[in-house]
């Protein structure tokens, strides 16, 4: 059962994009990365708050293991595209842990299974609840970083809020 993968593109920021182009890809990538990471941390916080915590345990996992494993992974230099920044928000998945890794069994919590007929969605509802706030935060932080790094030469945040 594959885990849903979500890609998000934000449209309607043409003015910000034009201003960023004037400073080159390395300058703008640093600013956008800060915005993406702050927005991702917001989503991770909401996901942690929504993650179910088992109360009756018959395994060796501690209650809250799934919740506590949720984090943000980002490697802004991983992509060879200068205009691409990404972050992954999910429970940790350690290959060495195999089926004991929260990243492995989170899908059965989210979607249910033969052994767990009562799914407890927490990942997708996080996006429904906080997705727009995360986008707004990303735009605000990116604009503030662009303004700060350009010495105030760009008035990006105001253009983006229109």
C-alpha atoms as a PDB file:
ATOM      1  CA  UNK A   1       0.000   0.000   0.000  1.00  0.00           C
ATOM      2  CA  UNK A   2       1.795   3.158  -1.160  1.00  0.00           C
ATOM      3  CA  UNK A   3       1.807   6.247   0.999  1.00  0.00           C
ATOM      4  CA  UNK A   4       0.249   9.259  -0.633  1.00  0.00           C
ATOM      5  CA  UNK A   5       2.843  11.685  -1.930  1.00  0.00           C
ATOM      6  CA  UNK A   6       1.896  15.300  -2.234  1.00  0.00           C
ATOM      7  CA  UNK A   7       3.592  17.959  -4.291  1.00  0.00           C
ATOM      8  CA  UNK A   8       2.632  21.579  -3.910  1.00  0.00           C
ATOM      9  CA  UNK A   9       3.201  24.428  -6.331  1.00  0.00           C
ATOM     10  CA  UNK A  10       2.164  27.971  -5.539  1.00  0.00           C
ATOM     11  CA  UNK A  11       0.915  30.145  -8.384  1.00  0.00           C
ATOM     12  CA  UNK A  12       0.115  33.838  -8.479  1.00  0.00           C
ATOM     13  CA  UNK A  13       3.409  35.185  -7.168  1.00  0.00           C
ATOM     14  CA  UNK A  14       4.656  36.597 -10.465  1.00  0.00           C
ATOM     15  CA  UNK A  15       5.781  39.916  -8.941  1.00  0.00           C
ATOM     16  CA  UNK A  16       7.836  38.146  -6.283  1.00  0.00           C
ATOM     17  CA  UNK A  17       9.320  35.831  -8.915  1.00  0.00           C
ATOM     18  CA  UNK A  18      10.392  38.740 -11.127  1.00  0.00           C
ATOM     19  CA  UNK A  19      12.092  40.453  -8.192  1.00  0.00           C
ATOM     20  CA  UNK A  20      13.841  37.225  -7.168  1.00  0.00           C
ATOM     21  CA  UNK A  21      15.117  36.675 -10.726  1.00  0.00           C
ATOM     22  CA  UNK A  22      17.011  39.936 -10.512  1.00  0.00           C
ATOM     23  CA  UNK A  23      19.187  38.547  -7.701  1.00  0.00           C
ATOM     24  CA  UNK A  24      20.049  35.145  -9.144  1.00  0.00           C
ATOM     25  CA  UNK A  25      19.247  31.565  -8.134  1.00  0.00           C
ATOM     26  CA  UNK A  26      21.635  31.095  -5.195  1.00  0.00           C
ATOM     27  CA  UNK A  27      20.404  34.240  -3.445  1.00  0.00           C
ATOM     28  CA  UNK A  28      16.744  33.378  -3.933  1.00  0.00           C
ATOM     29  CA  UNK A  29      17.182  29.673  -3.121  1.00  0.00           C
ATOM     30  CA  UNK A  30      18.472  30.589   0.340  1.00  0.00           C
ATOM     31  CA  UNK A  31      15.484  32.865   0.957  1.00  0.00           C
ATOM     32  CA  UNK A  32      12.925  30.388  -0.359  1.00  0.00           C
ATOM     33  CA  UNK A  33      14.519  27.550   1.633  1.00  0.00           C
ATOM     34  CA  UNK A  34      13.939  29.472   4.861  1.00  0.00           C
ATOM     35  CA  UNK A  35      10.292  30.001   3.940  1.00  0.00           C
ATOM     36  CA  UNK A  36       9.781  26.358   2.990  1.00  0.00           C
ATOM     37  CA  UNK A  37      11.417  25.108   6.196  1.00  0.00           C
ATOM     38  CA  UNK A  38       9.342  27.357   8.464  1.00  0.00           C
ATOM     39  CA  UNK A  39       6.144  26.344   6.670  1.00  0.00           C
ATOM     40  CA  UNK A  40       7.170  22.683   6.932  1.00  0.00           C
ATOM     41  CA  UNK A  41       7.800  23.007  10.663  1.00  0.00           C
ATOM     42  CA  UNK A  42       4.306  24.485  11.056  1.00  0.00           C
ATOM     43  CA  UNK A  43       2.823  21.471   9.262  1.00  0.00           C
ATOM     44  CA  UNK A  44       4.956  19.057  11.323  1.00  0.00           C
ATOM     45  CA  UNK A  45       3.707  20.686  14.548  1.00  0.00           C
ATOM     46  CA  UNK A  46       0.086  20.280  13.450  1.00  0.00           C
ATOM     47  CA  UNK A  47       0.729  16.699  12.317  1.00  0.00           C
ATOM     48  CA  UNK A  48       2.261  15.859  15.696  1.00  0.00           C
ATOM     49  CA  UNK A  49      -0.769  17.337  17.454  1.00  0.00           C
ATOM     50  CA  UNK A  50      -3.113  15.214  15.290  1.00  0.00           C
ATOM     51  CA  UNK A  51      -1.135  11.944  15.482  1.00  0.00           C
ATOM     52  CA  UNK A  52      -2.985   9.343  17.518  1.00  0.00           C
ATOM     53  CA  UNK A  53      -1.305   8.048  20.662  1.00  0.00           C
ATOM     54  CA  UNK A  54      -2.108   4.477  21.645  1.00  0.00           C
ATOM     55  CA  UNK A  55      -3.428   3.944  25.144  1.00  0.00           C
ATOM     56  CA  UNK A  56      -3.552   0.155  25.172  1.00  0.00           C
ATOM     57  CA  UNK A  57      -0.246  -1.262  24.076  1.00  0.00           C
ATOM     58  CA  UNK A  58       0.624  -4.864  23.450  1.00  0.00           C
ATOM     59  CA  UNK A  59       3.963  -4.208  21.759  1.00  0.00           C
ATOM     60  CA  UNK A  60       7.311  -2.941  22.893  1.00  0.00           C
ATOM     61  CA  UNK A  61       6.747   0.549  21.419  1.00  0.00           C
ATOM     62  CA  UNK A  62       6.168   3.389  23.831  1.00  0.00           C
ATOM     63  CA  UNK A  63       2.954   5.433  23.549  1.00  0.00           C
ATOM     64  CA  UNK A  64       3.633   8.523  21.440  1.00  0.00           C
ATOM     65  CA  UNK A  65       6.391   6.923  19.337  1.00  0.00           C
ATOM     66  CA  UNK A  66       4.625   7.792  16.078  1.00  0.00           C
ATOM     67  CA  UNK A  67       3.904  11.358  17.189  1.00  0.00           C
ATOM     68  CA  UNK A  68       7.441  11.895  18.442  1.00  0.00           C
ATOM     69  CA  UNK A  69       8.987  10.584  15.224  1.00  0.00           C
ATOM     70  CA  UNK A  70       7.357  13.211  12.984  1.00  0.00           C
ATOM     71  CA  UNK A  71       9.853  15.693  11.625  1.00  0.00           C
ATOM     72  CA  UNK A  72      11.047  17.714   8.646  1.00  0.00           C
ATOM     73  CA  UNK A  73      13.707  16.493   6.273  1.00  0.00           C
ATOM     74  CA  UNK A  74      15.188  18.921   3.800  1.00  0.00           C
ATOM     75  CA  UNK A  75      18.311  18.987   1.689  1.00  0.00           C
ATOM     76  CA  UNK A  76      18.071  22.156  -0.395  1.00  0.00           C
ATOM     77  CA  UNK A  77      21.230  21.298  -2.302  1.00  0.00           C
ATOM     78  CA  UNK A  78      19.964  17.810  -3.195  1.00  0.00           C
ATOM     79  CA  UNK A  79      18.309  19.033  -6.371  1.00  0.00           C
ATOM     80  CA  UNK A  80      20.308  20.025  -9.403  1.00  0.00           C
ATOM     81  CA  UNK A  81      17.558  22.525 -10.249  1.00  0.00           C
ATOM     82  CA  UNK A  82      18.510  25.976  -8.924  1.00  0.00           C
ATOM     83  CA  UNK A  83      14.854  27.000  -8.630  1.00  0.00           C
ATOM     84  CA  UNK A  84      13.658  23.929  -6.727  1.00  0.00           C
ATOM     85  CA  UNK A  85      13.384  23.600  -2.943  1.00  0.00           C
ATOM     86  CA  UNK A  86      11.661  20.750  -1.155  1.00  0.00           C
ATOM     87  CA  UNK A  87      11.005  19.423   2.320  1.00  0.00           C
ATOM     88  CA  UNK A  88       9.455  16.174   3.507  1.00  0.00           C
ATOM     89  CA  UNK A  89       7.218  16.068   6.559  1.00  0.00           C
ATOM     90  CA  UNK A  90       6.709  12.559   7.859  1.00  0.00           C
ATOM     91  CA  UNK A  91       7.405  10.026  10.556  1.00  0.00           C
ATOM     92  CA  UNK A  92      10.990   8.774  10.498  1.00  0.00           C
ATOM     93  CA  UNK A  93      11.689   5.679   8.486  1.00  0.00           C
ATOM     94  CA  UNK A  94      14.832   3.775   9.367  1.00  0.00           C
ATOM     95  CA  UNK A  95      15.503   0.883   7.011  1.00  0.00           C
ATOM     96  CA  UNK A  96      17.491  -0.853   9.722  1.00  0.00           C
ATOM     97  CA  UNK A  97      14.382  -0.890  11.937  1.00  0.00           C
ATOM     98  CA  UNK A  98      12.239  -2.433   9.207  1.00  0.00           C
ATOM     99  CA  UNK A  99       8.697  -2.992  10.362  1.00  0.00           C
ATOM    100  CA  UNK A 100       9.409  -1.456  13.770  1.00  0.00           C
ATOM    101  CA  UNK A 101      10.017   1.970  12.221  1.00  0.00           C
ATOM    102  CA  UNK A 102       7.176   4.516  12.686  1.00  0.00           C
ATOM    103  CA  UNK A 103       7.591   5.451   9.019  1.00  0.00           C
ATOM    104  CA  UNK A 104       6.621   1.900   8.109  1.00  0.00           C
ATOM    105  CA  UNK A 105       3.512   1.506  10.228  1.00  0.00           C
ATOM    106  CA  UNK A 106       2.176   5.076   9.990  1.00  0.00           C
ATOM    107  CA  UNK A 107       0.349   4.145   6.762  1.00  0.00           C
ATOM    108  CA  UNK A 108      -1.650   1.508   8.638  1.00  0.00           C
ATOM    109  CA  UNK A 109      -2.679   4.115  11.196  1.00  0.00           C
ATOM    110  CA  UNK A 110      -3.575   6.639   8.469  1.00  0.00           C
ATOM    111  CA  UNK A 111      -5.431   4.289   6.099  1.00  0.00           C
ATOM    112  CA  UNK A 112      -6.254   1.215   8.190  1.00  0.00           C
ATOM    113  CA  UNK A 113      -5.458  -2.377   7.264  1.00  0.00           C
ATOM    114  CA  UNK A 114      -6.728  -5.912   7.605  1.00  0.00           C
ATOM    115  CA  UNK A 115      -5.467  -5.902  11.192  1.00  0.00           C
ATOM    116  CA  UNK A 116      -6.479  -2.307  11.872  1.00  0.00           C
ATOM    117  CA  UNK A 117      -9.957  -1.785  10.385  1.00  0.00           C
ATOM    118  CA  UNK A 118     -10.335   1.607  12.071  1.00  0.00           C
ATOM    119  CA  UNK A 119      -8.047   4.121  10.348  1.00  0.00           C
ATOM    120  CA  UNK A 120      -7.054   7.244  12.261  1.00  0.00           C
ATOM    121  CA  UNK A 121      -6.115   9.758   9.567  1.00  0.00           C
ATOM    122  CA  UNK A 122      -3.722  12.453  10.754  1.00  0.00           C
ATOM    123  CA  UNK A 123      -1.443  13.241   7.786  1.00  0.00           C
ATOM    124  CA  UNK A 124      -3.960  14.324   5.143  1.00  0.00           C
ATOM    125  CA  UNK A 125      -6.162  16.183   7.671  1.00  0.00           C
ATOM    126  CA  UNK A 126      -3.046  18.149   8.644  1.00  0.00           C
ATOM    127  CA  UNK A 127      -2.816  19.546   5.138  1.00  0.00           C
ATOM    128  CA  UNK A 128      -6.547  20.266   5.078  1.00  0.00           C
ATOM    129  CA  UNK A 129      -6.302  22.106   8.398  1.00  0.00           C
ATOM    130  CA  UNK A 130      -3.040  24.005   8.054  1.00  0.00           C
ATOM    131  CA  UNK A 131      -2.088  23.946   4.371  1.00  0.00           C
ATOM    132  CA  UNK A 132      -3.121  27.516   3.576  1.00  0.00           C
ATOM    133  CA  UNK A 133      -1.518  28.862   6.749  1.00  0.00           C
ATOM    134  CA  UNK A 134       1.715  27.104   5.760  1.00  0.00           C
ATOM    135  CA  UNK A 135       1.601  28.652   2.278  1.00  0.00           C
ATOM    136  CA  UNK A 136       1.000  32.109   3.773  1.00  0.00           C
ATOM    137  CA  UNK A 137       3.889  31.607   6.204  1.00  0.00           C
ATOM    138  CA  UNK A 138       6.192  30.474   3.400  1.00  0.00           C
ATOM    139  CA  UNK A 139       5.363  33.574   1.351  1.00  0.00           C
ATOM    140  CA  UNK A 140       5.775  35.910   4.338  1.00  0.00           C
ATOM    141  CA  UNK A 141       9.108  34.436   5.458  1.00  0.00           C
ATOM    142  CA  UNK A 142      10.481  34.300   1.910  1.00  0.00           C
ATOM    143  CA  UNK A 143       9.478  37.919   1.319  1.00  0.00           C
ATOM    144  CA  UNK A 144      11.020  39.063   4.597  1.00  0.00           C
ATOM    145  CA  UNK A 145      14.247  37.193   3.825  1.00  0.00           C
ATOM    146  CA  UNK A 146      14.408  38.706   0.338  1.00  0.00           C
ATOM    147  CA  UNK A 147      13.839  42.173   1.777  1.00  0.00           C
ATOM    148  CA  UNK A 148      16.479  41.673   4.480  1.00  0.00           C
ATOM    149  CA  UNK A 149      19.091  40.181   2.148  1.00  0.00           C
ATOM    150  CA  UNK A 150      18.539  42.868  -0.471  1.00  0.00           C
ATOM    151  CA  UNK A 151      18.926  45.653   2.069  1.00  0.00           C
ATOM    152  CA  UNK A 152      15.278  46.598   1.647  1.00  0.00           C
ATOM    153  CA  UNK A 153      15.620  46.995  -2.113  1.00  0.00           C
ATOM    154  CA  UNK A 154      12.734  44.578  -2.598  1.00  0.00           C
ATOM    155  CA  UNK A 155       9.314  45.249  -1.168  1.00  0.00           C
ATOM    156  CA  UNK A 156       8.201  41.700  -1.776  1.00  0.00           C
ATOM    157  CA  UNK A 157       5.907  40.974   1.150  1.00  0.00           C
ATOM    158  CA  UNK A 158       3.438  43.710   0.242  1.00  0.00           C
ATOM    159  CA  UNK A 159       3.232  42.595  -3.409  1.00  0.00           C
ATOM    160  CA  UNK A 160       2.589  38.995  -2.395  1.00  0.00           C
ATOM    161  CA  UNK A 161      -0.334  39.765  -0.102  1.00  0.00           C
ATOM    162  CA  UNK A 162      -2.444  41.359  -2.829  1.00  0.00           C
END
